[in-house]
Protein backbone atom coordinates (compact mmCIF):
# COMPACT_ATOMS: atom_id res chain seq x y z
CA UNK A 1 63.76 27.55 4.29
CA UNK A 2 60.28 27.02 6.52
CA UNK A 3 58.86 23.83 5.82
CA UNK A 4 54.87 24.08 6.17
CA UNK A 5 54.59 20.77 8.46
CA UNK A 6 50.55 20.09 7.19
CA UNK A 7 52.74 18.67 4.02
CA UNK A 8 54.28 16.13 5.93
CA UNK A 9 50.60 14.99 6.98
CA UNK A 10 49.99 11.42 4.65
CA UNK A 11 47.18 11.92 2.84
CA UNK A 12 46.72 15.65 2.87
CA UNK A 13 45.11 16.01 -0.05
CA UNK A 14 44.02 13.90 -1.97
CA UNK A 15 40.03 12.69 -3.09
CA UNK A 16 40.12 8.91 -1.51
CA UNK A 17 36.91 6.93 -3.25
CA UNK A 18 33.24 7.13 -0.67
CA UNK A 19 32.90 3.87 0.69
CA UNK A 20 30.61 1.50 -1.67
CA UNK A 21 26.87 2.13 -1.04
CA UNK A 22 25.08 -0.71 1.16
CA UNK A 23 22.68 -2.09 -0.05
CA UNK A 24 18.74 -1.70 0.31
CA UNK A 25 17.46 -5.03 1.04
CA UNK A 26 13.84 -5.59 -0.81
CA UNK A 27 11.71 -8.22 -0.18
CA UNK A 28 9.34 -8.84 -3.12
CA UNK A 29 5.42 -10.22 -1.99
CA UNK A 30 2.78 -10.32 -5.09
CA UNK A 31 1.26 -13.53 -6.13
CA UNK A 32 2.15 -13.96 -9.80
CA UNK A 33 5.32 -16.56 -10.60
CA UNK A 34 5.46 -14.14 -13.80
CA UNK A 35 5.55 -10.44 -11.46
CA UNK A 36 7.87 -11.33 -9.06
CA UNK A 37 10.83 -12.67 -12.06
CA UNK A 38 9.83 -9.20 -13.65
CA UNK A 39 10.54 -6.98 -10.74
CA UNK A 40 13.28 -9.42 -10.25
CA UNK A 41 14.95 -8.88 -12.71
CA UNK A 42 14.25 -5.42 -13.48
CA UNK A 43 15.74 -5.24 -9.57
CA UNK A 44 18.96 -6.72 -10.40
CA UNK A 45 19.55 -4.05 -12.81
CA UNK A 46 19.43 -1.01 -10.24
CA UNK A 47 22.52 -0.10 -8.83
CA UNK A 48 22.36 -0.55 -3.91
CA UNK A 49 19.64 -2.70 -4.44
CA UNK A 50 19.26 -6.19 -3.87
CA UNK A 51 16.87 -8.66 -3.13
CA UNK A 52 16.64 -10.27 -0.32
CA UNK A 53 13.55 -12.83 -0.93
CA UNK A 54 10.38 -13.03 -3.01
CA UNK A 55 6.72 -14.16 -1.49
CA UNK A 56 3.67 -14.64 -2.64
CA UNK A 57 1.50 -14.22 -0.07
CA UNK A 58 0.39 -12.47 3.49
CA UNK A 59 1.57 -14.46 6.04
CA UNK A 60 4.66 -15.56 3.76
CA UNK A 61 5.97 -12.34 4.23
CA UNK A 62 5.04 -11.75 7.70
CA UNK A 63 7.86 -14.66 8.74
CA UNK A 64 9.88 -14.47 5.93
CA UNK A 65 10.80 -10.71 7.04
CA UNK A 66 11.75 -11.55 10.02
CA UNK A 67 13.81 -14.10 8.77
CA UNK A 68 15.57 -12.18 6.38
CA UNK A 69 14.92 -8.18 7.88
CA UNK A 70 14.75 -6.12 4.92
CA UNK A 71 14.75 -2.86 4.04
CA UNK A 72 12.14 -2.59 2.24
CA UNK A 73 9.22 -4.91 1.17
CA UNK A 74 7.60 -4.13 -1.78
CA UNK A 75 3.39 -5.34 -1.46
CA UNK A 76 1.01 -6.14 -3.50
CA UNK A 77 -2.99 -6.23 -2.34
CA UNK A 78 -4.07 -8.99 -3.48
CA UNK A 79 -3.26 -12.24 -2.80
CA UNK A 80 -4.86 -14.49 -3.27
CA UNK A 81 -6.39 -17.05 -0.39
CA UNK A 82 -4.77 -16.11 2.79
CA UNK A 83 -4.64 -12.48 4.64
CA UNK A 84 -4.46 -9.51 1.91
CA UNK A 85 -1.89 -6.59 1.26
CA UNK A 86 -3.50 -4.46 4.23
CA UNK A 87 -3.73 -7.52 6.96
CA UNK A 88 0.39 -8.30 6.12
CA UNK A 89 1.67 -4.73 6.10
CA UNK A 90 -0.25 -4.18 9.53
CA UNK A 91 1.56 -7.62 11.19
CA UNK A 92 5.04 -6.38 9.31
CA UNK A 93 5.48 -3.28 10.71
CA UNK A 94 3.57 -4.03 13.95
CA UNK A 95 6.67 -6.04 14.60
CA UNK A 96 10.46 -5.17 15.70
CA UNK A 97 12.93 -2.95 13.65
CA UNK A 98 9.56 -2.94 11.08
CA UNK A 99 11.21 -2.03 7.67
CA UNK A 100 9.00 0.53 5.85
CA UNK A 101 6.51 -0.79 3.32
CA UNK A 102 5.57 0.13 -0.18
CA UNK A 103 2.85 -1.15 -1.79
CA UNK A 104 3.29 -2.05 -5.40
CA UNK A 105 -0.60 -2.52 -7.16
CA UNK A 106 -2.99 -2.11 -10.02
CA UNK A 107 -5.46 -0.98 -7.27
CA UNK A 108 -5.57 3.04 -6.73
CA UNK A 109 -9.05 3.65 -5.39
CA UNK A 110 -9.68 5.93 -2.37
CA UNK A 111 -10.55 2.61 -0.40
CA UNK A 112 -7.35 1.27 -1.04
CA UNK A 113 -5.19 4.24 -0.66
CA UNK A 114 -6.55 5.19 2.81
CA UNK A 115 -6.18 1.15 4.27
CA UNK A 116 -3.28 0.83 2.88
CA UNK A 117 -1.87 4.17 4.54
CA UNK A 118 -3.73 3.91 8.03
CA UNK A 119 -2.27 -0.02 8.21
CA UNK A 120 1.20 1.60 8.31
CA UNK A 121 2.92 1.70 3.99
CA UNK A 122 5.33 4.59 3.38
CA UNK A 123 4.37 4.55 -0.63
CA UNK A 124 2.47 3.44 -2.71
CA UNK A 125 3.14 3.17 -5.99
CA UNK A 126 1.02 1.72 -9.81
CA UNK A 127 2.55 -1.08 -11.29
CA UNK A 128 2.38 1.28 -14.92
CA UNK A 129 4.61 3.59 -13.31
CA UNK A 130 9.12 3.48 -14.54
CA UNK A 131 11.17 1.48 -13.73
CA UNK A 132 12.61 4.36 -12.48
CA UNK A 133 9.64 5.99 -10.40
CA UNK A 134 10.04 2.74 -8.48
CA UNK A 135 14.04 2.76 -7.90
CA UNK A 136 13.44 5.91 -6.52
CA UNK A 137 11.04 4.57 -4.45
CA UNK A 138 12.78 2.24 -3.02
CA UNK A 139 15.36 4.80 -1.58
CA UNK A 140 12.49 6.96 -0.59
CA UNK A 141 11.71 4.57 1.48
CA UNK A 142 14.29 3.04 2.59
CA UNK A 143 15.45 6.14 3.83
CA UNK A 144 11.51 6.86 5.84
CA UNK A 145 10.66 8.77 3.42
CA UNK A 146 6.73 9.04 1.50
CA UNK A 147 6.63 7.92 -2.15
CA UNK A 148 3.72 7.52 -4.56
CA UNK A 149 2.28 7.38 -7.84
CA UNK A 150 1.67 10.75 -9.45
CA UNK A 151 -2.29 9.89 -10.15
CA UNK A 152 -2.52 8.70 -6.38
CA UNK A 153 -1.27 11.97 -5.66
CA UNK A 154 -4.18 13.66 -7.24
CA UNK A 155 -6.72 11.01 -6.31
CA UNK A 156 -5.54 12.21 -2.53
CA UNK A 157 -5.30 16.06 -2.89
CA UNK A 158 -9.11 15.46 -4.42
CA UNK A 159 -10.27 13.80 -1.35
CA UNK A 160 -8.39 16.05 1.07
CA UNK A 161 -9.99 18.99 -0.54
CA UNK A 162 -13.05 17.09 -1.09
CA UNK A 163 -13.29 14.43 1.77
CA UNK A 164 -16.45 12.07 1.67
CA UNK A 165 -18.43 11.44 5.13
CA UNK A 166 -17.42 7.92 6.14
CA UNK A 167 -19.80 4.86 6.12
CA UNK A 168 -20.81 4.35 9.37
CA UNK A 169 -20.90 0.55 10.75
CA UNK A 170 -24.27 0.05 10.07
CA UNK A 171 -24.55 1.46 6.64
CA UNK A 172 -21.48 -0.48 6.28
CA UNK A 173 -23.64 -3.69 6.70
CA UNK A 174 -26.28 -2.75 4.88
CA UNK A 175 -24.10 -1.95 2.16
CA UNK A 176 -23.41 -5.69 2.28
CA UNK A 177 -27.17 -6.48 2.27
CA UNK A 178 -27.80 -5.09 -0.74
CA UNK A 179 -24.62 -6.32 -2.66
CA UNK A 180 -25.93 -10.04 -2.07
CA UNK A 181 -29.64 -8.56 -3.66
CA UNK A 182 -31.57 -8.77 -0.63
CA UNK A 183 -34.66 -6.43 -0.39
CA UNK A 184 -35.25 -3.93 2.23
CA UNK A 185 -37.67 -6.16 3.82
CA UNK A 186 -35.15 -9.32 4.13
CA UNK A 187 -32.70 -7.02 5.06
CA UNK A 188 -34.98 -5.11 7.96
CA UNK A 189 -35.04 -8.83 9.21
CA UNK A 190 -31.61 -10.08 8.97
CA UNK A 191 -30.42 -6.72 10.88
CA UNK A 192 -33.54 -6.83 13.37
CA UNK A 193 -34.38 -3.20 12.27
CA UNK A 194 -37.58 -1.58 10.60
CA UNK A 195 -38.12 -1.01 6.84
CA UNK A 196 -38.50 2.71 7.47
CA UNK A 197 -35.09 2.94 9.49
CA UNK A 198 -33.20 0.70 6.22
CA UNK A 199 -34.73 3.14 3.69
CA UNK A 200 -33.73 6.10 6.37
CA UNK A 201 -30.01 4.46 6.28
CA UNK A 202 -30.19 4.37 2.41
CA UNK A 203 -30.55 7.44 1.46
CA UNK A 204 -28.05 8.30 3.89
CA UNK A 205 -26.23 5.29 1.62
CA UNK A 206 -26.78 6.93 -1.64
CA UNK A 207 -25.71 10.47 -0.30
CA UNK A 208 -22.28 9.43 1.12
CA UNK A 209 -22.24 7.56 -2.69
CA UNK A 210 -22.97 10.25 -4.98
CA UNK A 211 -24.95 7.44 -5.85
CA UNK A 212 -29.40 7.36 -6.84
CA UNK A 213 -30.26 3.51 -7.56
CA UNK A 214 -29.04 0.29 -5.51
CA UNK A 215 -26.86 -0.48 -8.40
CA UNK A 216 -24.99 1.90 -8.02
CA UNK A 217 -24.66 2.41 -4.49
CA UNK A 218 -23.39 -1.61 -4.64
CA UNK A 219 -20.47 -0.72 -7.76
CA UNK A 220 -19.21 2.06 -5.99
CA UNK A 221 -18.95 -0.22 -3.04
CA UNK A 222 -17.06 -3.55 -4.70
CA UNK A 223 -15.15 0.28 -6.88
CA UNK A 224 -13.92 1.03 -3.40
CA UNK A 225 -13.46 -1.29 -1.70
CA UNK A 226 -15.75 -1.24 1.03
CA UNK A 227 -17.69 -4.34 1.67
CA UNK A 228 -14.67 -5.49 2.49
């Protein structure tokens, strides 16, 4: 009786267990200790995710990235004193072997989203999202894929459909003066331009921000963080 030599190969036909998945190393950056503790506890229950460090400031996050080599950084935008999450993201992404940065914040204005993406963020999540959404976003970010919360995606799509004209540097200067409560004459003196020029710029600012009052312009500018 003939014998199939393939049957004599050790292990042929047996199902070998898959090698264990490598952990996604995560650094958490948030200036609130309670939030950091909550995220650490939440991620401790996620398979394949490991929190390797947590920081309370942007500067500390940049330094800790170099020391711990995380795969993903969860980055808040508002970090108290020092650089904010946008600048921290820019510095982290500009370094060697840069990890992916996933913004995790309560702010969802068009200006915040645009600035975060321009700084190099891979994703943008809102803290009001679910735990499963966070887990999936971390896995996506670790693989270099974009991950955004549904409300953020809706805002991005709306912005693409009806993009708002960007403010010029001079218009931003005038907005900053406006936010300080200065009148047209005072703004003109501060910026070394004529009152007529100030009025012209204000008209353009109102149109771009879709407002019709000085107070409205300042309110929208603050909401969208156009004064930073």
